[in-house]
PDB file of all heavy atoms in Angstrom:
ATOM      1  N   LEU A   1      -9.807  -6.429  -2.665  1.00  0.00           N
ATOM      2  CA  LEU A   1      -8.362  -6.616  -2.519  1.00  0.00           C
ATOM      3  C   LEU A   1      -7.720  -5.494  -1.719  1.00  0.00           C
ATOM      4  O   LEU A   1      -6.718  -5.722  -1.031  1.00  0.00           O
ATOM      5  CB  LEU A   1      -7.706  -6.761  -3.895  1.00  0.00           C
ATOM      6  CG  LEU A   1      -7.469  -8.232  -4.310  1.00  0.00           C
ATOM      7  CD1 LEU A   1      -8.809  -8.925  -4.563  1.00  0.00           C
ATOM      8  CD2 LEU A   1      -6.567  -8.336  -5.514  1.00  0.00           C
ATOM      9  N   THR A   2      -8.289  -4.297  -1.785  1.00  0.00           N
ATOM     10  CA  THR A   2      -7.780  -3.223  -0.928  1.00  0.00           C
ATOM     11  C   THR A   2      -8.022  -3.554   0.537  1.00  0.00           C
ATOM     12  O   THR A   2      -7.137  -3.359   1.389  1.00  0.00           O
ATOM     13  CB  THR A   2      -8.455  -1.888  -1.280  1.00  0.00           C
ATOM     14  OG1 THR A   2      -8.129  -1.531  -2.624  1.00  0.00           O
ATOM     15  CG2 THR A   2      -7.991  -0.779  -0.345  1.00  0.00           C
ATOM     16  N   LEU A   3      -9.206  -4.065   0.858  1.00  0.00           N
ATOM     17  CA  LEU A   3      -9.491  -4.463   2.237  1.00  0.00           C
ATOM     18  C   LEU A   3      -8.535  -5.575   2.674  1.00  0.00           C
ATOM     19  O   LEU A   3      -8.068  -5.592   3.826  1.00  0.00           O
ATOM     20  CB  LEU A   3     -10.937  -4.919   2.367  1.00  0.00           C
ATOM     21  CG  LEU A   3     -11.455  -5.145   3.793  1.00  0.00           C
ATOM     22  CD1 LEU A   3     -11.385  -3.847   4.598  1.00  0.00           C
ATOM     23  CD2 LEU A   3     -12.885  -5.670   3.778  1.00  0.00           C
ATOM     24  N   ALA A   4      -8.225  -6.498   1.767  1.00  0.00           N
ATOM     25  CA  ALA A   4      -7.281  -7.567   2.083  1.00  0.00           C
ATOM     26  C   ALA A   4      -5.896  -7.000   2.363  1.00  0.00           C
ATOM     27  O   ALA A   4      -5.185  -7.473   3.269  1.00  0.00           O
ATOM     28  CB  ALA A   4      -7.216  -8.564   0.927  1.00  0.00           C
ATOM     29  N   GLU A   5      -5.487  -5.973   1.617  1.00  0.00           N
ATOM     30  CA  GLU A   5      -4.187  -5.350   1.857  1.00  0.00           C
ATOM     31  C   GLU A   5      -4.166  -4.621   3.201  1.00  0.00           C
ATOM     32  O   GLU A   5      -3.146  -4.606   3.893  1.00  0.00           O
ATOM     33  CB  GLU A   5      -3.847  -4.379   0.726  1.00  0.00           C
ATOM     34  CG  GLU A   5      -3.529  -5.048  -0.601  1.00  0.00           C
ATOM     35  CD  GLU A   5      -2.220  -5.809  -0.548  1.00  0.00           C
ATOM     36  OE1 GLU A   5      -2.215  -6.960  -0.035  1.00  0.00           O
ATOM     37  OE2 GLU A   5      -1.194  -5.277  -1.005  1.00  0.00           O
ATOM     38  N   ILE A   6      -5.286  -4.004   3.573  1.00  0.00           N
ATOM     39  CA  ILE A   6      -5.374  -3.367   4.895  1.00  0.00           C
ATOM     40  C   ILE A   6      -5.181  -4.413   5.983  1.00  0.00           C
ATOM     41  O   ILE A   6      -4.438  -4.199   6.955  1.00  0.00           O
ATOM     42  CB  ILE A   6      -6.725  -2.658   5.055  1.00  0.00           C
ATOM     43  CG1 ILE A   6      -6.823  -1.465   4.099  1.00  0.00           C
ATOM     44  CG2 ILE A   6      -6.920  -2.196   6.501  1.00  0.00           C
ATOM     45  CD1 ILE A   6      -8.198  -0.829   4.050  1.00  0.00           C
ATOM     46  N   ALA A   7      -5.831  -5.564   5.833  1.00  0.00           N
ATOM     47  CA  ALA A   7      -5.706  -6.636   6.822  1.00  0.00           C
ATOM     48  C   ALA A   7      -4.271  -7.162   6.871  1.00  0.00           C
ATOM     49  O   ALA A   7      -3.731  -7.408   7.956  1.00  0.00           O
ATOM     50  CB  ALA A   7      -6.678  -7.773   6.480  1.00  0.00           C
ATOM     51  N   ARG A   8      -3.644  -7.301   5.720  1.00  0.00           N
ATOM     52  CA  ARG A   8      -2.252  -7.786   5.681  1.00  0.00           C
ATOM     53  C   ARG A   8      -1.316  -6.841   6.421  1.00  0.00           C
ATOM     54  O   ARG A   8      -0.343  -7.268   7.036  1.00  0.00           O
ATOM     55  CB  ARG A   8      -1.808  -7.951   4.225  1.00  0.00           C
ATOM     56  CG  ARG A   8      -0.362  -8.393   4.062  1.00  0.00           C
ATOM     57  CD  ARG A   8      -0.085  -8.877   2.657  1.00  0.00           C
ATOM     58  NE  ARG A   8      -0.050  -7.828   1.656  1.00  0.00           N
ATOM     59  CZ  ARG A   8       1.046  -7.132   1.340  1.00  0.00           C
ATOM     60  NH1 ARG A   8       2.183  -7.349   1.964  1.00  0.00           N
ATOM     61  NH2 ARG A   8       0.999  -6.220   0.382  1.00  0.00           N
ATOM     62  N   GLY A   9      -1.611  -5.568   6.367  1.00  0.00           N
ATOM     63  CA  GLY A   9      -0.763  -4.592   7.025  1.00  0.00           C
ATOM     64  C   GLY A   9      -1.023  -4.427   8.507  1.00  0.00           C
ATOM     65  O   GLY A   9      -0.289  -3.693   9.178  1.00  0.00           O
ATOM     66  N   ALA A  10      -2.048  -5.122   9.026  1.00  0.00           N
ATOM     67  CA  ALA A  10      -2.431  -4.900  10.421  1.00  0.00           C
ATOM     68  C   ALA A  10      -2.399  -6.166  11.278  1.00  0.00           C
ATOM     69  O   ALA A  10      -2.005  -6.110  12.449  1.00  0.00           O
ATOM     70  CB  ALA A  10      -3.830  -4.286  10.484  1.00  0.00           C
ATOM     71  N   LEU A  11      -2.824  -7.303  10.734  1.00  0.00           N
ATOM     72  CA  LEU A  11      -2.983  -8.502  11.551  1.00  0.00           C
ATOM     73  C   LEU A  11      -1.642  -9.169  11.843  1.00  0.00           C
ATOM     74  O   LEU A  11      -0.721  -9.143  11.028  1.00  0.00           O
ATOM     75  CB  LEU A  11      -3.915  -9.490  10.834  1.00  0.00           C
ATOM     76  CG  LEU A  11      -5.338  -8.998  10.585  1.00  0.00           C
ATOM     77  CD1 LEU A  11      -6.161 -10.071   9.875  1.00  0.00           C
ATOM     78  CD2 LEU A  11      -6.012  -8.571  11.887  1.00  0.00           C
ATOM     79  N   LEU A  12      -1.550  -9.770  13.020  1.00  0.00           N
ATOM     80  CA  LEU A  12      -0.338 -10.491  13.451  1.00  0.00           C
ATOM     81  C   LEU A  12       0.901  -9.621  13.302  1.00  0.00           C
ATOM     82  O   LEU A  12       1.906 -10.027  12.712  1.00  0.00           O
ATOM     83  CB  LEU A  12      -0.198 -11.807  12.666  1.00  0.00           C
ATOM     84  CG  LEU A  12      -1.340 -12.813  12.836  1.00  0.00           C
ATOM     85  CD1 LEU A  12      -1.090 -14.053  12.001  1.00  0.00           C
ATOM     86  CD2 LEU A  12      -1.525 -13.182  14.303  1.00  0.00           C
ATOM     87  N   THR A  13       0.849  -8.436  13.833  1.00  0.00           N
ATOM     88  CA  THR A  13       1.854  -7.359  13.814  1.00  0.00           C
ATOM     89  C   THR A  13       1.919  -6.649  12.467  1.00  0.00           C
ATOM     90  O   THR A  13       2.441  -5.546  12.386  1.00  0.00           O
ATOM     91  CB  THR A  13       3.285  -7.817  14.195  1.00  0.00           C
ATOM     92  OG1 THR A  13       3.935  -8.422  13.086  1.00  0.00           O
ATOM     93  CG2 THR A  13       3.275  -8.762  15.380  1.00  0.00           C
ATOM     94  N   GLY A  14       1.366  -7.248  11.405  1.00  0.00           N
ATOM     95  CA  GLY A  14       1.274  -6.577  10.120  1.00  0.00           C
ATOM     96  C   GLY A  14       2.558  -6.629   9.314  1.00  0.00           C
ATOM     97  O   GLY A  14       3.670  -6.615   9.851  1.00  0.00           O
ATOM     98  N   PHE A  15       2.380  -6.692   7.979  1.00  0.00           N
ATOM     99  CA  PHE A  15       3.527  -6.633   7.066  1.00  0.00           C
ATOM    100  C   PHE A  15       3.028  -6.090   5.722  1.00  0.00           C
ATOM    101  O   PHE A  15       2.789  -6.837   4.774  1.00  0.00           O
ATOM    102  CB  PHE A  15       4.159  -8.007   6.885  1.00  0.00           C
ATOM    103  CG  PHE A  15       5.489  -7.963   6.183  1.00  0.00           C
ATOM    104  CD1 PHE A  15       6.560  -7.276   6.736  1.00  0.00           C
ATOM    105  CD2 PHE A  15       5.666  -8.610   4.981  1.00  0.00           C
ATOM    106  CE1 PHE A  15       7.790  -7.235   6.095  1.00  0.00           C
ATOM    107  CE2 PHE A  15       6.895  -8.581   4.330  1.00  0.00           C
ATOM    108  CZ  PHE A  15       7.962  -7.895   4.891  1.00  0.00           C
ATOM    109  N   PRO A  16       2.877  -4.756   5.620  1.00  0.00           N
ATOM    110  CA  PRO A  16       2.323  -4.165   4.391  1.00  0.00           C
ATOM    111  C   PRO A  16       3.357  -3.942   3.294  1.00  0.00           C
ATOM    112  O   PRO A  16       3.183  -3.072   2.443  1.00  0.00           O
ATOM    113  CB  PRO A  16       1.771  -2.826   4.901  1.00  0.00           C
ATOM    114  CG  PRO A  16       2.686  -2.457   6.027  1.00  0.00           C
ATOM    115  CD  PRO A  16       3.068  -3.762   6.688  1.00  0.00           C
ATOM    116  N   TRP A  17       4.430  -4.702   3.313  1.00  0.00           N
ATOM    117  CA  TRP A  17       5.496  -4.546   2.320  1.00  0.00           C
ATOM    118  C   TRP A  17       4.949  -4.841   0.925  1.00  0.00           C
ATOM    119  O   TRP A  17       4.233  -5.797   0.709  1.00  0.00           O
ATOM    120  CB  TRP A  17       6.638  -5.507   2.656  1.00  0.00           C
ATOM    121  CG  TRP A  17       7.954  -5.132   2.058  1.00  0.00           C
ATOM    122  CD1 TRP A  17       8.332  -5.288   0.764  1.00  0.00           C
ATOM    123  CD2 TRP A  17       9.072  -4.534   2.727  1.00  0.00           C
ATOM    124  NE1 TRP A  17       9.617  -4.834   0.575  1.00  0.00           N
ATOM    125  CE2 TRP A  17      10.100  -4.363   1.774  1.00  0.00           C
ATOM    126  CE3 TRP A  17       9.303  -4.135   4.040  1.00  0.00           C
ATOM    127  CZ2 TRP A  17      11.343  -3.818   2.097  1.00  0.00           C
ATOM    128  CZ3 TRP A  17      10.529  -3.594   4.353  1.00  0.00           C
ATOM    129  CH2 TRP A  17      11.531  -3.434   3.396  1.00  0.00           C
ATOM    130  N   ASN A  18       5.324  -4.013  -0.043  1.00  0.00           N
ATOM    131  CA  ASN A  18       4.890  -4.184  -1.438  1.00  0.00           C
ATOM    132  C   ASN A  18       3.370  -4.210  -1.580  1.00  0.00           C
ATOM    133  O   ASN A  18       2.823  -4.965  -2.395  1.00  0.00           O
ATOM    134  CB  ASN A  18       5.505  -5.435  -2.078  1.00  0.00           C
ATOM    135  CG  ASN A  18       6.958  -5.225  -2.480  1.00  0.00           C
ATOM    136  OD1 ASN A  18       7.519  -4.160  -2.287  1.00  0.00           O
ATOM    137  ND2 ASN A  18       7.569  -6.252  -3.034  1.00  0.00           N
ATOM    138  N   ASP A  19       2.701  -3.385  -0.793  1.00  0.00           N
ATOM    139  CA  ASP A  19       1.277  -3.143  -1.024  1.00  0.00           C
ATOM    140  C   ASP A  19       1.089  -2.765  -2.495  1.00  0.00           C
ATOM    141  O   ASP A  19       1.944  -2.118  -3.099  1.00  0.00           O
ATOM    142  CB  ASP A  19       0.827  -1.996  -0.119  1.00  0.00           C
ATOM    143  CG  ASP A  19      -0.654  -1.703  -0.213  1.00  0.00           C
ATOM    144  OD1 ASP A  19      -1.075  -1.164  -1.262  1.00  0.00           O
ATOM    145  OD2 ASP A  19      -1.378  -1.958   0.752  1.00  0.00           O
ATOM    146  N   PHE A  20      -0.013  -3.190  -3.075  1.00  0.00           N
ATOM    147  CA  PHE A  20      -0.238  -2.913  -4.505  1.00  0.00           C
ATOM    148  C   PHE A  20      -0.170  -1.414  -4.815  1.00  0.00           C
ATOM    149  O   PHE A  20       0.180  -1.016  -5.927  1.00  0.00           O
ATOM    150  CB  PHE A  20      -1.595  -3.469  -4.943  1.00  0.00           C
ATOM    151  CG  PHE A  20      -1.634  -4.964  -5.051  1.00  0.00           C
ATOM    152  CD1 PHE A  20      -2.486  -5.714  -4.242  1.00  0.00           C
ATOM    153  CD2 PHE A  20      -0.831  -5.637  -5.956  1.00  0.00           C
ATOM    154  CE1 PHE A  20      -2.532  -7.096  -4.330  1.00  0.00           C
ATOM    155  CE2 PHE A  20      -0.868  -7.023  -6.054  1.00  0.00           C
ATOM    156  CZ  PHE A  20      -1.715  -7.764  -5.237  1.00  0.00           C
ATOM    157  N   GLY A  21      -0.487  -0.586  -3.825  1.00  0.00           N
ATOM    158  CA  GLY A  21      -0.453   0.853  -4.046  1.00  0.00           C
ATOM    159  C   GLY A  21       0.923   1.391  -4.380  1.00  0.00           C
ATOM    160  O   GLY A  21       1.045   2.454  -5.006  1.00  0.00           O
ATOM    161  N   TYR A  22       1.974   0.672  -3.983  1.00  0.00           N
ATOM    162  CA  TYR A  22       3.325   1.129  -4.314  1.00  0.00           C
ATOM    163  C   TYR A  22       3.633   1.001  -5.800  1.00  0.00           C
ATOM    164  O   TYR A  22       4.638   1.551  -6.262  1.00  0.00           O
ATOM    165  CB  TYR A  22       4.359   0.364  -3.492  1.00  0.00           C
ATOM    166  CG  TYR A  22       4.366   0.744  -2.033  1.00  0.00           C
ATOM    167  CD1 TYR A  22       3.987  -0.167  -1.052  1.00  0.00           C
ATOM    168  CD2 TYR A  22       4.746   2.014  -1.627  1.00  0.00           C
ATOM    169  CE1 TYR A  22       3.982   0.174   0.287  1.00  0.00           C
ATOM    170  CE2 TYR A  22       4.745   2.371  -0.289  1.00  0.00           C
ATOM    171  CZ  TYR A  22       4.357   1.449   0.664  1.00  0.00           C
ATOM    172  OH  TYR A  22       4.355   1.808   1.990  1.00  0.00           O
ATOM    173  N   GLY A  23       2.798   0.284  -6.528  1.00  0.00           N
ATOM    174  CA  GLY A  23       3.014   0.184  -7.972  1.00  0.00           C
ATOM    175  C   GLY A  23       2.984   1.555  -8.633  1.00  0.00           C
ATOM    176  O   GLY A  23       3.936   1.975  -9.289  1.00  0.00           O
ATOM    177  N   LEU A  24       1.875   2.282  -8.448  1.00  0.00           N
ATOM    178  CA  LEU A  24       1.788   3.629  -9.014  1.00  0.00           C
ATOM    179  C   LEU A  24       2.732   4.594  -8.316  1.00  0.00           C
ATOM    180  O   LEU A  24       3.197   5.563  -8.923  1.00  0.00           O
ATOM    181  CB  LEU A  24       0.354   4.153  -8.910  1.00  0.00           C
ATOM    182  CG  LEU A  24      -0.656   3.653  -9.946  1.00  0.00           C
ATOM    183  CD1 LEU A  24      -2.005   4.312  -9.712  1.00  0.00           C
ATOM    184  CD2 LEU A  24      -0.174   3.909 -11.371  1.00  0.00           C
ATOM    185  N   ALA A  25       3.041   4.352  -7.048  1.00  0.00           N
ATOM    186  CA  ALA A  25       3.861   5.294  -6.287  1.00  0.00           C
ATOM    187  C   ALA A  25       5.293   5.360  -6.783  1.00  0.00           C
ATOM    188  O   ALA A  25       6.032   6.280  -6.415  1.00  0.00           O
ATOM    189  CB  ALA A  25       3.842   4.928  -4.803  1.00  0.00           C
ATOM    190  N   THR A  26       5.719   4.394  -7.602  1.00  0.00           N
ATOM    191  CA  THR A  26       7.073   4.468  -8.146  1.00  0.00           C
ATOM    192  C   THR A  26       7.230   5.653  -9.094  1.00  0.00           C
ATOM    193  O   THR A  26       8.350   6.062  -9.385  1.00  0.00           O
ATOM    194  CB  THR A  26       7.452   3.166  -8.875  1.00  0.00           C
ATOM    195  OG1 THR A  26       6.473   2.889  -9.890  1.00  0.00           O
ATOM    196  CG2 THR A  26       7.496   1.985  -7.907  1.00  0.00           C
ATOM    197  N   ASP A  27       6.113   6.189  -9.601  1.00  0.00           N
ATOM    198  CA  ASP A  27       6.137   7.424 -10.383  1.00  0.00           C
ATOM    199  C   ASP A  27       5.789   8.560  -9.433  1.00  0.00           C
ATOM    200  O   ASP A  27       4.701   8.599  -8.869  1.00  0.00           O
ATOM    201  CB  ASP A  27       5.131   7.355 -11.528  1.00  0.00           C
ATOM    202  CG  ASP A  27       5.225   8.547 -12.473  1.00  0.00           C
ATOM    203  OD1 ASP A  27       5.262   9.697 -11.981  1.00  0.00           O
ATOM    204  OD2 ASP A  27       5.244   8.344 -13.698  1.00  0.00           O
ATOM    205  N   LEU A  28       6.718   9.488  -9.234  1.00  0.00           N
ATOM    206  CA  LEU A  28       6.556  10.532  -8.239  1.00  0.00           C
ATOM    207  C   LEU A  28       5.336  11.403  -8.489  1.00  0.00           C
ATOM    208  O   LEU A  28       4.742  11.947  -7.549  1.00  0.00           O
ATOM    209  CB  LEU A  28       7.817  11.394  -8.193  1.00  0.00           C
ATOM    210  CG  LEU A  28       8.056  12.232  -6.935  1.00  0.00           C
ATOM    211  CD1 LEU A  28       8.026  11.364  -5.685  1.00  0.00           C
ATOM    212  CD2 LEU A  28       9.376  12.975  -7.033  1.00  0.00           C
ATOM    213  N   ARG A  29       4.907  11.527  -9.736  1.00  0.00           N
ATOM    214  CA  ARG A  29       3.723  12.337 -10.040  1.00  0.00           C
ATOM    215  C   ARG A  29       2.464  11.650  -9.539  1.00  0.00           C
ATOM    216  O   ARG A  29       1.587  12.282  -8.943  1.00  0.00           O
ATOM    217  CB  ARG A  29       3.668  12.628 -11.534  1.00  0.00           C
ATOM    218  CG  ARG A  29       4.737  13.621 -11.972  1.00  0.00           C
ATOM    219  CD  ARG A  29       5.132  13.464 -13.405  1.00  0.00           C
ATOM    220  NE  ARG A  29       5.781  12.179 -13.658  1.00  0.00           N
ATOM    221  CZ  ARG A  29       6.597  11.947 -14.689  1.00  0.00           C
ATOM    222  NH1 ARG A  29       6.868  12.907 -15.544  1.00  0.00           N
ATOM    223  NH2 ARG A  29       7.139  10.758 -14.858  1.00  0.00           N
ATOM    224  N   PHE A  30       2.340  10.357  -9.764  1.00  0.00           N
ATOM    225  CA  PHE A  30       1.199   9.626  -9.211  1.00  0.00           C
ATOM    226  C   PHE A  30       1.251   9.612  -7.687  1.00  0.00           C
ATOM    227  O   PHE A  30       0.213   9.645  -7.014  1.00  0.00           O
ATOM    228  CB  PHE A  30       1.182   8.187  -9.721  1.00  0.00           C
ATOM    229  CG  PHE A  30       0.801   8.042 -11.165  1.00  0.00           C
ATOM    230  CD1 PHE A  30       1.578   7.268 -12.027  1.00  0.00           C
ATOM    231  CD2 PHE A  30      -0.321   8.662 -11.681  1.00  0.00           C
ATOM    232  CE1 PHE A  30       1.232   7.126 -13.358  1.00  0.00           C
ATOM    233  CE2 PHE A  30      -0.682   8.530 -13.015  1.00  0.00           C
ATOM    234  CZ  PHE A  30       0.109   7.755 -13.857  1.00  0.00           C
ATOM    235  N   ALA A  31       2.460   9.546  -7.131  1.00  0.00           N
ATOM    236  CA  ALA A  31       2.608   9.414  -5.675  1.00  0.00           C
ATOM    237  C   ALA A  31       2.070  10.619  -4.916  1.00  0.00           C
ATOM    238  O   ALA A  31       1.759  10.504  -3.720  1.00  0.00           O
ATOM    239  CB  ALA A  31       4.076   9.186  -5.326  1.00  0.00           C
ATOM    240  N   GLN A  32       1.936  11.775  -5.569  1.00  0.00           N
ATOM    241  CA  GLN A  32       1.490  12.983  -4.851  1.00  0.00           C
ATOM    242  C   GLN A  32       0.094  12.830  -4.268  1.00  0.00           C
ATOM    243  O   GLN A  32      -0.234  13.454  -3.255  1.00  0.00           O
ATOM    244  CB  GLN A  32       1.550  14.199  -5.782  1.00  0.00           C
ATOM    245  CG  GLN A  32       2.940  14.536  -6.302  1.00  0.00           C
ATOM    246  CD  GLN A  32       3.963  14.680  -5.202  1.00  0.00           C
ATOM    247  OE1 GLN A  32       3.774  15.451  -4.251  1.00  0.00           O
ATOM    248  NE2 GLN A  32       5.052  13.924  -5.308  1.00  0.00           N
ATOM    249  N   ILE A  33      -0.736  11.986  -4.870  1.00  0.00           N
ATOM    250  CA  ILE A  33      -2.100  11.826  -4.365  1.00  0.00           C
ATOM    251  C   ILE A  33      -2.094  11.179  -2.976  1.00  0.00           C
ATOM    252  O   ILE A  33      -3.078  11.270  -2.236  1.00  0.00           O
ATOM    253  CB  ILE A  33      -2.959  10.988  -5.352  1.00  0.00           C
ATOM    254  CG1 ILE A  33      -4.446  11.087  -4.997  1.00  0.00           C
ATOM    255  CG2 ILE A  33      -2.511   9.535  -5.366  1.00  0.00           C
ATOM    256  CD1 ILE A  33      -5.018  12.472  -5.069  1.00  0.00           C
ATOM    257  N   ALA A  34      -0.960  10.558  -2.593  1.00  0.00           N
ATOM    258  CA  ALA A  34      -0.862   9.965  -1.259  1.00  0.00           C
ATOM    259  C   ALA A  34      -0.960  11.024  -0.179  1.00  0.00           C
ATOM    260  O   ALA A  34      -1.322  10.717   0.965  1.00  0.00           O
ATOM    261  CB  ALA A  34       0.445   9.189  -1.113  1.00  0.00           C
ATOM    262  N   SER A  35      -0.669  12.285  -0.502  1.00  0.00           N
ATOM    263  CA  SER A  35      -0.816  13.351   0.482  1.00  0.00           C
ATOM    264  C   SER A  35      -2.279  13.584   0.844  1.00  0.00           C
ATOM    265  O   SER A  35      -2.580  14.244   1.842  1.00  0.00           O
ATOM    266  CB  SER A  35      -0.195  14.647  -0.050  1.00  0.00           C
ATOM    267  OG  SER A  35      -0.894  15.112  -1.192  1.00  0.00           O
TER     268      SER A  35
END
């Protein structure tokens, strides 16, 4: 499903809106790992 999300964000100009990763990112402490 992560690979599918990568494809969604890239193909046909891409639209990665509401990628599943934003679920944890709503908590700023979890979001730090994005660095």
